[in-house]
Amino acid sequence: MNLTATQLRRAAALQEKIEALQAELASMLGESAAPTKSKPAKKKKRNMSAAARKRIADAQKARWAKQKAATAAAEKKGK
């Protein structure tokens, strides 16, 4: 969308009017003049069973052991 300079100035003026009217409305309603953004809804925390945590931990320990064994074998070959 290509706007001319005149259209951009008019859009900026309208935006300022809107902000001024919103501030006036907020003051009438007893709210603060600064618009506040609502916080996004919190995502529900996922719960993991103890068995699932154990499977993950065991798998990670196996990966670490495999890496450690590969590193130890490489060091033996290098000597």
N, C-alpha and C. Protein backbone atom coordinates (compact mmCIF):
# COMPACT_ATOMS: atom_id res chain seq x y z
N MET A 1 0.84 -1.16 0.00
CA MET A 1 0.00 0.00 0.00
C MET A 1 0.90 1.24 0.00
N ASN A 2 0.88 1.98 -1.06
CA ASN A 2 1.70 3.18 -1.17
C ASN A 2 0.83 4.40 -0.88
N LEU A 3 1.25 5.18 0.10
CA LEU A 3 0.52 6.37 0.49
C LEU A 3 1.33 7.61 0.11
N THR A 4 0.63 8.64 -0.23
CA THR A 4 1.31 9.90 -0.53
C THR A 4 1.65 10.59 0.79
N ALA A 5 2.46 11.61 0.71
CA ALA A 5 2.85 12.34 1.90
C ALA A 5 1.64 12.97 2.57
N THR A 6 0.71 13.47 1.78
CA THR A 6 -0.51 14.08 2.32
C THR A 6 -1.34 13.05 3.08
N GLN A 7 -1.45 11.85 2.51
CA GLN A 7 -2.21 10.79 3.17
C GLN A 7 -1.54 10.38 4.48
N LEU A 8 -0.22 10.32 4.47
CA LEU A 8 0.49 9.95 5.69
C LEU A 8 0.30 11.00 6.78
N ARG A 9 0.36 12.29 6.40
CA ARG A 9 0.15 13.36 7.38
C ARG A 9 -1.27 13.28 7.95
N ARG A 10 -2.24 13.02 7.09
CA ARG A 10 -3.63 12.92 7.54
C ARG A 10 -3.81 11.72 8.48
N ALA A 11 -3.17 10.60 8.13
CA ALA A 11 -3.26 9.42 8.98
C ALA A 11 -2.63 9.69 10.35
N ALA A 12 -1.51 10.41 10.37
CA ALA A 12 -0.85 10.74 11.64
C ALA A 12 -1.75 11.65 12.47
N ALA A 13 -2.40 12.62 11.81
CA ALA A 13 -3.29 13.53 12.53
C ALA A 13 -4.47 12.77 13.12
N LEU A 14 -5.03 11.85 12.35
CA LEU A 14 -6.15 11.05 12.84
C LEU A 14 -5.72 10.19 14.03
N GLN A 15 -4.52 9.63 13.94
CA GLN A 15 -4.01 8.81 15.04
C GLN A 15 -3.88 9.64 16.31
N GLU A 16 -3.38 10.85 16.17
CA GLU A 16 -3.26 11.73 17.34
C GLU A 16 -4.62 12.06 17.93
N LYS A 17 -5.62 12.29 17.07
CA LYS A 17 -6.96 12.58 17.55
C LYS A 17 -7.53 11.38 18.31
N ILE A 18 -7.31 10.20 17.75
CA ILE A 18 -7.80 8.98 18.40
C ILE A 18 -7.17 8.83 19.77
N GLU A 19 -5.87 9.02 19.87
CA GLU A 19 -5.18 8.89 21.16
C GLU A 19 -5.69 9.92 22.15
N ALA A 20 -5.92 11.15 21.68
CA ALA A 20 -6.44 12.20 22.57
C ALA A 20 -7.83 11.84 23.06
N LEU A 21 -8.68 11.33 22.17
CA LEU A 21 -10.04 10.94 22.57
C LEU A 21 -10.01 9.76 23.55
N GLN A 22 -9.11 8.82 23.32
CA GLN A 22 -9.00 7.69 24.24
C GLN A 22 -8.55 8.16 25.62
N ALA A 23 -7.63 9.11 25.66
CA ALA A 23 -7.17 9.64 26.95
C ALA A 23 -8.31 10.38 27.65
N GLU A 24 -9.09 11.13 26.88
CA GLU A 24 -10.22 11.85 27.47
C GLU A 24 -11.25 10.87 28.03
N LEU A 25 -11.54 9.83 27.28
CA LEU A 25 -12.49 8.82 27.74
C LEU A 25 -11.98 8.13 29.00
N ALA A 26 -10.71 7.82 29.01
CA ALA A 26 -10.13 7.16 30.18
C ALA A 26 -10.23 8.06 31.39
N SER A 27 -10.00 9.36 31.21
CA SER A 27 -10.07 10.27 32.36
C SER A 27 -11.52 10.39 32.85
N MET A 28 -12.48 10.32 31.93
CA MET A 28 -13.89 10.36 32.34
C MET A 28 -14.26 9.13 33.14
N LEU A 29 -13.71 8.01 32.75
CA LEU A 29 -14.04 6.75 33.42
C LEU A 29 -13.19 6.52 34.66
N GLY A 30 -12.25 7.44 34.91
CA GLY A 30 -11.43 7.31 36.10
C GLY A 30 -10.26 6.38 35.92
N GLU A 31 -9.91 6.07 34.71
CA GLU A 31 -8.76 5.21 34.44
C GLU A 31 -7.54 6.08 34.21
N SER A 32 -6.39 5.45 34.22
CA SER A 32 -5.17 6.19 33.94
C SER A 32 -5.16 6.59 32.47
N ALA A 33 -4.46 7.67 32.17
CA ALA A 33 -4.43 8.19 30.80
C ALA A 33 -3.65 7.27 29.88
N ALA A 34 -2.68 6.58 30.42
CA ALA A 34 -1.86 5.70 29.58
C ALA A 34 -2.63 4.41 29.32
N PRO A 35 -2.75 4.05 28.06
CA PRO A 35 -3.44 2.80 27.77
C PRO A 35 -2.61 1.61 28.27
N THR A 36 -3.29 0.67 28.86
CA THR A 36 -2.60 -0.51 29.37
C THR A 36 -2.92 -1.68 28.48
N LYS A 37 -1.90 -2.46 28.22
CA LYS A 37 -2.10 -3.66 27.41
C LYS A 37 -2.45 -4.81 28.34
N SER A 38 -3.38 -5.62 27.92
CA SER A 38 -3.74 -6.76 28.75
C SER A 38 -2.65 -7.81 28.63
N LYS A 39 -2.44 -8.51 29.71
CA LYS A 39 -1.42 -9.55 29.73
C LYS A 39 -1.95 -10.77 28.99
N PRO A 40 -1.08 -11.45 28.25
CA PRO A 40 -1.54 -12.65 27.58
C PRO A 40 -1.88 -13.73 28.61
N ALA A 41 -2.82 -14.55 28.26
CA ALA A 41 -3.24 -15.62 29.16
C ALA A 41 -2.07 -16.56 29.43
N LYS A 42 -1.93 -16.95 30.69
CA LYS A 42 -0.85 -17.85 31.03
C LYS A 42 -1.15 -19.23 30.46
N LYS A 43 -0.11 -19.86 29.94
CA LYS A 43 -0.29 -21.22 29.45
C LYS A 43 -0.34 -22.15 30.65
N LYS A 44 -1.14 -23.18 30.51
CA LYS A 44 -1.25 -24.14 31.59
C LYS A 44 0.06 -24.91 31.69
N LYS A 45 0.55 -25.03 32.90
CA LYS A 45 1.81 -25.73 33.13
C LYS A 45 1.61 -27.22 32.88
N ARG A 46 2.50 -27.78 32.12
CA ARG A 46 2.40 -29.22 31.83
C ARG A 46 3.04 -30.01 32.96
N ASN A 47 2.37 -31.03 33.38
CA ASN A 47 2.89 -31.90 34.43
C ASN A 47 3.42 -33.17 33.79
N MET A 48 4.54 -33.62 34.31
CA MET A 48 5.16 -34.83 33.78
C MET A 48 5.19 -35.86 34.91
N SER A 49 4.82 -37.07 34.58
CA SER A 49 4.81 -38.11 35.60
C SER A 49 6.24 -38.47 36.00
N ALA A 50 6.36 -39.07 37.16
CA ALA A 50 7.67 -39.48 37.65
C ALA A 50 8.29 -40.51 36.70
N ALA A 51 7.46 -41.38 36.15
CA ALA A 51 7.96 -42.40 35.22
C ALA A 51 8.52 -41.74 33.95
N ALA A 52 7.86 -40.71 33.47
CA ALA A 52 8.34 -40.02 32.27
C ALA A 52 9.66 -39.32 32.57
N ARG A 53 9.76 -38.68 33.74
CA ARG A 53 11.02 -38.02 34.11
C ARG A 53 12.15 -39.04 34.21
N LYS A 54 11.84 -40.23 34.76
CA LYS A 54 12.86 -41.27 34.89
C LYS A 54 13.31 -41.76 33.52
N ARG A 55 12.37 -41.93 32.58
CA ARG A 55 12.75 -42.36 31.23
C ARG A 55 13.67 -41.34 30.57
N ILE A 56 13.33 -40.07 30.74
CA ILE A 56 14.15 -39.01 30.15
C ILE A 56 15.54 -38.99 30.79
N ALA A 57 15.59 -39.11 32.11
CA ALA A 57 16.88 -39.10 32.82
C ALA A 57 17.72 -40.30 32.41
N ASP A 58 17.11 -41.46 32.33
CA ASP A 58 17.85 -42.67 31.93
C ASP A 58 18.39 -42.54 30.51
N ALA A 59 17.58 -41.99 29.62
CA ALA A 59 18.03 -41.81 28.24
C ALA A 59 19.20 -40.84 28.18
N GLN A 60 19.14 -39.76 28.96
CA GLN A 60 20.23 -38.78 28.97
C GLN A 60 21.50 -39.40 29.54
N LYS A 61 21.36 -40.18 30.61
CA LYS A 61 22.53 -40.83 31.20
C LYS A 61 23.16 -41.80 30.20
N ALA A 62 22.33 -42.49 29.42
CA ALA A 62 22.85 -43.40 28.40
C ALA A 62 23.61 -42.62 27.33
N ARG A 63 23.07 -41.45 26.94
CA ARG A 63 23.78 -40.63 25.95
C ARG A 63 25.12 -40.16 26.50
N TRP A 64 25.15 -39.74 27.77
CA TRP A 64 26.40 -39.29 28.39
C TRP A 64 27.41 -40.45 28.45
N ALA A 65 26.93 -41.63 28.84
CA ALA A 65 27.83 -42.79 28.93
C ALA A 65 28.40 -43.13 27.56
N LYS A 66 27.58 -43.08 26.54
CA LYS A 66 28.03 -43.37 25.18
C LYS A 66 29.10 -42.37 24.75
N GLN A 67 28.87 -41.09 25.04
CA GLN A 67 29.83 -40.05 24.67
C GLN A 67 31.13 -40.23 25.45
N LYS A 68 31.01 -40.55 26.74
CA LYS A 68 32.20 -40.74 27.58
C LYS A 68 33.02 -41.93 27.08
N ALA A 69 32.32 -43.00 26.70
CA ALA A 69 33.01 -44.19 26.19
C ALA A 69 33.72 -43.87 24.87
N ALA A 70 33.07 -43.11 24.01
CA ALA A 70 33.67 -42.75 22.73
C ALA A 70 34.90 -41.87 22.95
N THR A 71 34.83 -40.96 23.91
CA THR A 71 35.96 -40.08 24.21
C THR A 71 37.12 -40.88 24.79
N ALA A 72 36.81 -41.82 25.68
CA ALA A 72 37.84 -42.64 26.30
C ALA A 72 38.52 -43.51 25.25
N ALA A 73 37.76 -44.06 24.31
CA ALA A 73 38.32 -44.90 23.26
C ALA A 73 39.21 -44.07 22.33
N ALA A 74 38.81 -42.88 22.05
CA ALA A 74 39.61 -42.01 21.19
C ALA A 74 40.92 -41.64 21.87
N GLU A 75 40.90 -41.43 23.20
CA GLU A 75 42.12 -41.10 23.91
C GLU A 75 43.07 -42.29 23.93
N LYS A 76 42.53 -43.51 24.06
CA LYS A 76 43.38 -44.70 24.05
C LYS A 76 44.04 -44.88 22.69
N LYS A 77 43.30 -44.63 21.60
CA LYS A 77 43.86 -44.75 20.27
C LYS A 77 44.96 -43.71 20.03
N GLY A 78 44.78 -42.54 20.59
CA GLY A 78 45.73 -41.45 20.39
C GLY A 78 47.05 -41.68 21.11
N LYS A 79 47.07 -42.52 22.12
CA LYS A 79 48.30 -42.74 22.89
C LYS A 79 49.14 -43.82 22.32
